[in-house]
Amino acid sequence: MHPNPKFRHEDRALFEDLIEQIGFGMVFATTPDGPRVAHVPLLYTGDGAVQFHLARGNALTAHLDGMTALAVVNGPDAYVSARWYEDTEKVPTWNYVALELEGRVRRMDRDGLLGQVTALSDHHEARVQHGQPWTMDKLPDAKREGFLGAIVGFEMEVQAWRPTFKLSQNAPAHERERVIAGLEAEGALAVAELMRRLVP
């Protein structure tokens, strides 16, 4: 989390929406072999928890149950050129959105894991533009059981939400407008839109 309090945001619904829209993140934890990270699809449960699954052989899988871990979701980001500022003493920077989630992790049972991967595929299949949605029931029973046996499900009860919405809040409004114009010209539309929407 960025130390500048200007880059904080307190809208929990926005955090939840970020998890739902991005749907992917990283889980970090310390193991007896040192710090490890896993890249995972994330499912927000709607009640303050996120679920994810790992390959059974992942370096974190054997250690996560009962641990406190950190999950990170990265939102849009973009380089900000110093040439866009009127103030010639500015330096380049990076605008970005990131959300850190800290919490206790528990291992899910087989039924919970099946519910998680079903909800994940249903959610993301609904976004696919063409063709019929894929569903878990398309798998033969033996294939489904083999798939479920190769992964382990986890749920993190989020105890701390640490957001960074670094969107040029430390620049005057006229400079932010110049940055937005520069970002739009470069095609960084998501960051430009967030600057318009979230920074007064």
Protein backbone atom coordinates (compact mmCIF):
# COMPACT_ATOMS: atom_id res chain seq x y z
CA MET A 1 0.00 0.00 0.00
CA HIS A 2 1.35 3.44 -0.93
CA PRO A 3 2.19 5.50 2.19
CA ASN A 4 0.61 8.73 0.89
CA PRO A 5 -2.88 9.04 2.49
CA LYS A 6 -4.09 10.98 -0.58
CA PHE A 7 -4.06 7.69 -2.47
CA ARG A 8 -6.47 5.93 -0.09
CA HIS A 9 -10.05 5.14 -0.87
CA GLU A 10 -12.70 4.03 1.59
CA ASP A 11 -15.41 2.65 -0.69
CA ARG A 12 -15.66 -1.05 0.20
CA ALA A 13 -18.13 -1.64 -2.66
CA LEU A 14 -15.45 -0.37 -5.05
CA PHE A 15 -12.92 -2.86 -3.63
CA GLU A 16 -15.39 -5.71 -4.03
CA ASP A 17 -16.14 -4.61 -7.59
CA LEU A 18 -12.41 -4.55 -8.37
CA ILE A 19 -12.06 -8.17 -7.22
CA GLU A 20 -15.10 -9.19 -9.24
CA GLN A 21 -14.04 -7.33 -12.39
CA ILE A 22 -10.36 -8.32 -12.36
CA GLY A 23 -10.94 -11.83 -11.02
CA PHE A 24 -7.25 -12.65 -10.71
CA GLY A 25 -4.54 -11.90 -8.18
CA MET A 26 -1.56 -13.13 -6.21
CA VAL A 27 -1.40 -14.81 -2.81
CA PHE A 28 1.77 -14.33 -0.76
CA ALA A 29 2.83 -16.25 2.34
CA THR A 30 5.98 -17.22 4.19
CA THR A 31 6.77 -20.94 4.16
CA PRO A 32 9.56 -22.93 5.81
CA ASP A 33 11.32 -22.67 2.43
CA GLY A 34 10.99 -18.87 2.35
CA PRO A 35 8.44 -16.43 0.94
CA ARG A 36 6.29 -17.77 -1.90
CA VAL A 37 3.64 -16.35 -4.24
CA ALA A 38 0.87 -18.03 -6.22
CA HIS A 39 -1.05 -16.49 -9.10
CA VAL A 40 -4.71 -17.39 -8.70
CA PRO A 41 -8.27 -16.72 -9.86
CA LEU A 42 -10.14 -15.03 -7.01
CA LEU A 43 -13.80 -15.30 -6.13
CA TYR A 44 -15.35 -12.78 -3.74
CA THR A 45 -18.00 -14.48 -1.59
CA GLY A 46 -20.00 -11.34 -0.77
CA ASP A 47 -19.47 -11.70 2.98
CA GLY A 48 -15.90 -10.50 3.48
CA ALA A 49 -13.99 -13.50 2.18
CA VAL A 50 -12.19 -14.46 -1.01
CA GLN A 51 -11.77 -17.97 -2.33
CA PHE A 52 -9.06 -19.39 -4.57
CA HIS A 53 -7.52 -22.71 -5.47
CA LEU A 54 -4.00 -23.97 -6.07
CA ALA A 55 -2.47 -26.97 -7.78
CA ARG A 56 -1.85 -29.67 -5.20
CA GLY A 57 1.90 -29.42 -5.92
CA ASN A 58 2.11 -25.62 -5.55
CA ALA A 59 4.78 -24.48 -3.06
CA LEU A 60 2.10 -22.78 -0.92
CA THR A 61 -0.52 -25.54 -0.87
CA ALA A 62 0.89 -27.55 2.02
CA HIS A 63 1.34 -24.50 4.25
CA LEU A 64 -1.64 -22.16 3.81
CA ASP A 65 -4.27 -23.82 6.00
CA GLY A 66 -4.47 -21.77 9.21
CA MET A 67 -1.92 -19.16 8.09
CA THR A 68 -2.32 -15.42 7.72
CA ALA A 69 -1.60 -14.55 4.09
CA LEU A 70 -1.72 -11.58 1.76
CA ALA A 71 -3.69 -11.43 -1.49
CA VAL A 72 -3.10 -8.67 -4.03
CA VAL A 73 -5.35 -7.61 -6.89
CA ASN A 74 -3.82 -5.27 -9.45
CA GLY A 75 -6.17 -2.96 -11.31
CA PRO A 76 -5.40 -0.66 -14.24
CA ASP A 77 -2.04 1.10 -14.36
CA ALA A 78 -0.28 3.53 -16.69
CA TYR A 79 2.95 5.47 -17.07
CA VAL A 80 2.55 9.23 -16.55
CA SER A 81 4.99 11.28 -18.63
CA ALA A 82 6.48 14.44 -17.11
CA ARG A 83 5.97 16.13 -20.51
CA TRP A 84 2.22 16.26 -19.83
CA TYR A 85 2.62 18.66 -16.89
CA GLU A 86 2.68 22.42 -17.17
CA ASP A 87 5.12 22.42 -14.23
CA THR A 88 8.51 21.70 -15.84
CA GLU A 89 10.00 20.50 -12.54
CA LYS A 90 7.72 17.43 -12.36
CA VAL A 91 9.13 13.95 -12.89
CA PRO A 92 7.53 10.89 -14.52
CA THR A 93 5.47 8.60 -12.32
CA TRP A 94 3.05 5.71 -12.53
CA ASN A 95 -0.66 5.83 -11.76
CA TYR A 96 -2.22 2.57 -10.64
CA VAL A 97 -4.86 0.78 -8.64
CA ALA A 98 -3.98 -2.07 -6.27
CA LEU A 99 -5.79 -3.77 -3.44
CA GLU A 100 -4.09 -5.75 -0.68
CA LEU A 101 -6.17 -8.19 1.37
CA GLU A 102 -4.79 -9.71 4.54
CA GLY A 103 -6.51 -12.53 6.33
CA ARG A 104 -6.63 -15.98 7.81
CA VAL A 105 -6.77 -18.84 5.33
CA ARG A 106 -8.61 -22.12 5.74
CA ARG A 107 -8.61 -25.14 3.49
CA MET A 108 -11.97 -25.96 1.89
CA ASP A 109 -13.51 -29.41 1.71
CA ARG A 110 -14.33 -31.12 -1.58
CA ASP A 111 -17.89 -29.77 -1.77
CA GLY A 112 -16.68 -26.24 -1.06
CA LEU A 113 -14.03 -26.58 -3.78
CA LEU A 114 -16.61 -27.81 -6.29
CA GLY A 115 -18.85 -24.86 -5.40
CA GLN A 116 -15.93 -22.46 -5.84
CA VAL A 117 -14.80 -23.68 -9.28
CA THR A 118 -18.42 -23.89 -10.45
CA ALA A 119 -19.11 -20.30 -9.35
CA LEU A 120 -15.85 -19.12 -10.95
CA SER A 121 -16.54 -20.72 -14.31
CA ASP A 122 -20.20 -19.60 -14.29
CA HIS A 123 -19.19 -16.01 -13.52
CA HIS A 124 -16.55 -15.78 -16.23
CA GLU A 125 -18.39 -17.85 -18.84
CA ALA A 126 -21.23 -15.31 -18.62
CA ARG A 127 -18.77 -12.71 -19.97
CA VAL A 128 -17.67 -14.70 -23.00
CA GLN A 129 -19.32 -13.11 -26.02
CA HIS A 130 -19.82 -16.01 -28.43
CA GLY A 131 -21.07 -19.55 -28.11
CA GLN A 132 -22.81 -21.47 -25.37
CA PRO A 133 -21.43 -21.15 -21.82
CA TRP A 134 -19.28 -24.01 -20.64
CA THR A 135 -20.48 -25.63 -17.39
CA MET A 136 -18.94 -28.11 -14.99
CA ASP A 137 -21.61 -30.71 -15.75
CA LYS A 138 -20.08 -31.10 -19.23
CA LEU A 139 -17.26 -33.08 -17.62
CA PRO A 140 -17.73 -36.83 -17.16
CA ASP A 141 -17.77 -37.77 -13.47
CA ALA A 142 -14.34 -39.42 -13.56
CA LYS A 143 -12.78 -36.40 -15.27
CA ARG A 144 -14.37 -34.00 -12.78
CA GLU A 145 -13.12 -36.03 -9.84
CA GLY A 146 -9.63 -36.15 -11.34
CA PHE A 147 -9.67 -32.37 -11.84
CA LEU A 148 -10.85 -31.74 -8.26
CA GLY A 149 -8.22 -34.14 -6.95
CA ALA A 150 -5.45 -32.14 -8.60
CA ILE A 151 -6.30 -28.83 -6.89
CA VAL A 152 -6.92 -27.59 -3.34
CA GLY A 153 -9.45 -24.89 -2.45
CA PHE A 154 -8.90 -22.17 0.12
CA GLU A 155 -10.91 -19.34 1.63
CA MET A 156 -9.38 -16.20 3.14
CA GLU A 157 -11.42 -14.29 5.70
CA VAL A 158 -10.31 -10.73 4.96
CA GLN A 159 -9.28 -8.94 8.15
CA ALA A 160 -7.58 -5.92 6.52
CA TRP A 161 -8.33 -4.13 3.26
CA ARG A 162 -5.43 -1.95 2.10
CA PRO A 163 -6.18 -0.07 -1.12
CA THR A 164 -4.00 2.18 -3.25
CA PHE A 165 -5.76 4.34 -5.84
CA LYS A 166 -2.83 6.45 -7.09
CA LEU A 167 -4.55 8.73 -9.59
CA SER A 168 -2.60 12.01 -9.44
CA GLN A 169 -4.50 13.25 -6.37
CA ASN A 170 -1.31 15.06 -5.32
CA ALA A 171 -1.43 17.25 -8.46
CA PRO A 172 -3.63 20.33 -8.94
CA ALA A 173 -6.84 19.88 -10.94
CA HIS A 174 -5.50 21.59 -14.07
CA GLU A 175 -2.45 19.27 -14.08
CA ARG A 176 -4.68 16.21 -13.60
CA GLU A 177 -6.65 17.26 -16.67
CA ARG A 178 -3.42 17.39 -18.66
CA VAL A 179 -2.48 13.91 -17.38
CA ILE A 180 -5.92 12.56 -18.32
CA ALA A 181 -5.55 14.00 -21.82
CA GLY A 182 -2.09 12.42 -22.14
CA LEU A 183 -3.32 9.04 -20.92
CA GLU A 184 -6.26 9.12 -23.31
CA ALA A 185 -3.97 9.98 -26.22
CA GLU A 186 -1.80 6.98 -25.31
CA GLY A 187 -4.79 4.64 -25.03
CA ALA A 188 -4.65 4.24 -21.23
CA LEU A 189 -8.40 4.73 -21.05
CA ALA A 190 -9.10 2.74 -17.87
CA VAL A 191 -6.76 4.86 -15.71
CA ALA A 192 -8.02 8.08 -17.33
CA GLU A 193 -11.63 7.07 -16.61
CA LEU A 194 -10.84 6.26 -12.98
CA MET A 195 -9.16 9.65 -12.58
CA ARG A 196 -12.29 11.35 -13.92
CA ARG A 197 -14.63 9.26 -11.79
CA LEU A 198 -12.81 9.01 -8.45
CA VAL A 199 -10.76 12.20 -8.05
CA PRO A 200 -12.84 15.33 -7.25
